[in-house]
Amino acid sequence: KLDILEQSGSSFSMGLDRKRALEHKQSEHLGNVLSTVTDRKLSGELRGSSLDHETKHGIQFEYGELGFEFNRIQNTWDPINYDMIDEVEAHDAQYSAGKNTFIDPQGQLRYTNQREYKRLLTPTDKINFILLSTTIDGVSPYAKLSRIRLDNNNVIRIKNRQQYMLPHKIR
């Protein structure tokens, strides 16, 4: 799957810590798509799991399924057309790679029942699993995401100081 990103006209960066990753999300880095792979001095398996997950988001961007919009208040690029179905696809990639660890939102290493996730057949079951396994004080950071696919009907490339989105392509 990395070949899709390698052949892209966009730059993709994987940051190994959140502080450095946020620095790369500043407006002067327009055109760079960044995913954060948290490094807590844990096993390579965990990093690989995050890499599989974040690479899937890069592919979603490349196919125009999600894009980015500049948030002036936070001075960051935030995803648009990003929904729970995008997260299900990323978690599918993560678990299909044989990884059974993840870092929860508090930064703690967690083990998840990979077999349990793989037995989930419907997107709704997977969404509920993801929401339950990523809670901070009872609330998941994904709680506000739409549970219905948000389609990008964009037919042109948009790249300016406010938005960055590629035209939608069928996979």
Protein backbone atom coordinates (compact mmCIF):
# COMPACT_ATOMS: atom_id res chain seq x y z
CA LYS A 1 0.00 0.00 0.00
CA LEU A 2 2.93 2.34 0.48
CA ASP A 3 3.45 2.45 -3.28
CA ILE A 4 0.22 4.45 -3.60
CA LEU A 5 1.69 7.11 -1.31
CA GLU A 6 5.14 6.94 -2.92
CA GLN A 7 3.65 7.66 -6.36
CA SER A 8 1.58 10.55 -5.04
CA GLY A 9 2.15 14.17 -5.93
CA SER A 10 1.73 14.97 -2.22
CA SER A 11 4.30 14.70 0.56
CA PHE A 12 3.48 12.33 3.39
CA SER A 13 5.26 12.53 6.74
CA MET A 14 5.08 10.21 9.70
CA GLY A 15 5.96 11.95 12.96
CA LEU A 16 7.27 9.87 15.83
CA ASP A 17 6.11 12.20 18.55
CA ARG A 18 3.09 14.42 18.88
CA LYS A 19 4.99 17.67 19.60
CA ARG A 20 7.12 17.40 16.48
CA ALA A 21 4.09 16.29 14.48
CA LEU A 22 2.12 19.35 15.54
CA GLU A 23 5.00 21.59 14.51
CA HIS A 24 4.76 20.11 11.01
CA LYS A 25 1.05 20.92 10.84
CA GLN A 26 1.69 24.67 10.81
CA SER A 27 0.43 26.62 7.81
CA GLU A 28 3.85 27.01 6.18
CA HIS A 29 3.87 23.27 5.58
CA LEU A 30 0.92 23.38 3.22
CA GLY A 31 0.96 20.33 1.01
CA ASN A 32 2.46 17.94 3.51
CA VAL A 33 0.09 15.30 4.83
CA LEU A 34 1.12 14.27 8.31
CA SER A 35 0.12 11.29 10.41
CA THR A 36 1.34 10.87 13.95
CA VAL A 37 2.82 7.59 15.08
CA THR A 38 3.21 7.94 18.83
CA ASP A 39 6.53 6.73 20.20
CA ARG A 40 6.39 5.74 23.85
CA LYS A 41 9.57 3.63 23.72
CA LEU A 42 7.45 0.56 23.25
CA SER A 43 7.69 -2.39 20.91
CA GLY A 44 8.15 -2.09 17.18
CA GLU A 45 4.91 -4.02 16.87
CA LEU A 46 3.05 -1.07 18.30
CA ARG A 47 4.74 1.37 15.95
CA GLY A 48 3.95 -0.93 13.04
CA SER A 49 0.34 -1.07 14.11
CA SER A 50 0.11 2.70 14.13
CA LEU A 51 1.91 2.89 10.81
CA ASP A 52 -0.58 0.49 9.18
CA HIS A 53 -3.44 2.54 10.61
CA GLU A 54 -2.06 5.93 9.56
CA THR A 55 -0.98 4.69 6.14
CA LYS A 56 -4.61 3.79 5.48
CA HIS A 57 -5.58 7.41 6.25
CA GLY A 58 -2.92 8.55 3.76
CA ILE A 59 -4.47 6.33 1.10
CA GLN A 60 -7.91 7.73 1.94
CA PHE A 61 -6.51 11.22 1.37
CA GLU A 62 -4.87 10.17 -1.91
CA TYR A 63 -8.21 8.87 -3.21
CA GLY A 64 -9.98 12.08 -2.23
CA GLU A 65 -12.02 10.42 0.49
CA LEU A 66 -10.89 12.95 3.07
CA GLY A 67 -9.06 16.25 2.99
CA PHE A 68 -7.81 18.98 5.27
CA GLU A 69 -9.00 22.42 6.25
CA PHE A 70 -6.91 25.00 8.09
CA ASN A 71 -8.09 25.77 11.62
CA ARG A 72 -6.96 29.35 12.32
CA ILE A 73 -7.75 29.14 16.02
CA GLN A 74 -5.64 26.00 16.63
CA ASN A 75 -3.17 26.82 13.82
CA THR A 76 -3.50 23.22 12.58
CA TRP A 77 -4.82 21.37 9.55
CA ASP A 78 -7.93 19.42 10.56
CA PRO A 79 -9.46 16.59 8.53
CA ILE A 80 -12.66 17.18 6.56
CA ASN A 81 -14.97 14.54 5.08
CA TYR A 82 -13.54 12.36 7.87
CA ASP A 83 -16.00 9.92 9.40
CA MET A 84 -16.20 6.74 11.46
CA ILE A 85 -16.12 4.64 8.29
CA ASP A 86 -12.63 6.05 7.65
CA GLU A 87 -11.65 4.94 11.16
CA VAL A 88 -13.13 1.47 10.64
CA GLU A 89 -11.02 1.08 7.48
CA ALA A 90 -7.90 2.24 9.36
CA HIS A 91 -8.59 -0.15 12.25
CA ASP A 92 -9.20 -2.97 9.76
CA ALA A 93 -5.74 -2.28 8.30
CA GLN A 94 -4.23 -2.16 11.77
CA TYR A 95 -5.72 -5.46 12.91
CA SER A 96 -5.26 -7.25 9.60
CA ALA A 97 -1.54 -6.61 10.00
CA GLY A 98 -1.65 -8.85 13.07
CA LYS A 99 -1.20 -6.14 15.70
CA ASN A 100 -3.00 -6.45 19.00
CA THR A 101 -1.68 -3.40 20.84
CA PHE A 102 -2.59 0.25 20.74
CA ILE A 103 -1.91 3.41 22.73
CA ASP A 104 -5.02 4.76 24.37
CA PRO A 105 -5.73 8.51 24.43
CA GLN A 106 -4.00 8.77 27.84
CA GLY A 107 -0.82 7.41 26.28
CA GLN A 108 -1.04 4.00 27.94
CA LEU A 109 -0.17 0.77 26.13
CA ARG A 110 -3.29 -1.38 25.81
CA TYR A 111 -3.83 -4.87 24.51
CA THR A 112 -6.97 -5.49 22.59
CA ASN A 113 -8.56 -8.75 21.64
CA GLN A 114 -7.64 -8.86 17.97
CA ARG A 115 -9.75 -11.96 17.47
CA GLU A 116 -12.74 -10.14 18.93
CA TYR A 117 -12.31 -7.25 16.47
CA LYS A 118 -11.88 -9.62 13.54
CA ARG A 119 -15.14 -11.39 14.45
CA LEU A 120 -17.07 -8.15 14.21
CA LEU A 121 -18.90 -8.29 10.91
CA THR A 122 -20.85 -5.07 10.63
CA PRO A 123 -19.53 -1.52 10.47
CA THR A 124 -21.82 -0.64 13.39
CA ASP A 125 -20.24 -3.32 15.60
CA LYS A 126 -16.76 -2.11 14.63
CA ILE A 127 -17.69 1.53 15.29
CA ASN A 128 -18.98 0.62 18.75
CA PHE A 129 -15.81 -1.36 19.50
CA ILE A 130 -13.60 1.56 18.44
CA LEU A 131 -15.63 4.08 20.45
CA LEU A 132 -15.47 1.92 23.58
CA SER A 133 -11.75 1.22 23.27
CA THR A 134 -10.70 4.86 22.85
CA THR A 135 -12.46 6.65 25.68
CA ILE A 136 -11.08 9.45 27.85
CA ASP A 137 -13.23 10.03 30.92
CA GLY A 138 -16.03 8.11 29.22
CA VAL A 139 -15.88 10.02 25.92
CA SER A 140 -14.17 8.86 22.74
CA PRO A 141 -12.27 11.41 20.64
CA TYR A 142 -14.18 9.91 17.71
CA ALA A 143 -17.60 10.51 19.29
CA LYS A 144 -18.39 13.55 17.11
CA LEU A 145 -17.54 11.85 13.82
CA SER A 146 -20.40 10.96 11.51
CA ARG A 147 -21.33 7.29 11.46
CA ILE A 148 -22.46 7.69 7.85
CA ARG A 149 -19.93 7.92 5.00
CA LEU A 150 -19.21 11.54 4.12
CA ASP A 151 -18.61 11.57 0.39
CA ASN A 152 -16.28 13.93 -1.38
CA ASN A 153 -17.81 14.88 -4.71
CA ASN A 154 -14.87 17.13 -5.53
CA VAL A 155 -13.69 16.78 -9.13
CA ILE A 156 -10.70 19.13 -8.96
CA ARG A 157 -7.63 19.40 -6.78
CA ILE A 158 -7.99 22.10 -4.11
CA LYS A 159 -4.77 23.33 -2.57
CA ASN A 160 -4.70 26.76 -0.98
CA ARG A 161 -4.14 28.29 2.45
CA GLN A 162 -7.60 27.17 3.62
CA GLN A 163 -8.09 23.68 2.19
CA TYR A 164 -6.21 20.78 0.72
CA MET A 165 -8.20 18.05 -0.96
CA LEU A 166 -7.67 15.85 -3.97
CA PRO A 167 -10.41 14.92 -6.44
CA HIS A 168 -12.32 11.79 -5.56
CA LYS A 169 -11.15 8.66 -7.36
CA ILE A 170 -12.81 5.27 -7.26
CA ARG A 171 -10.64 2.54 -5.77
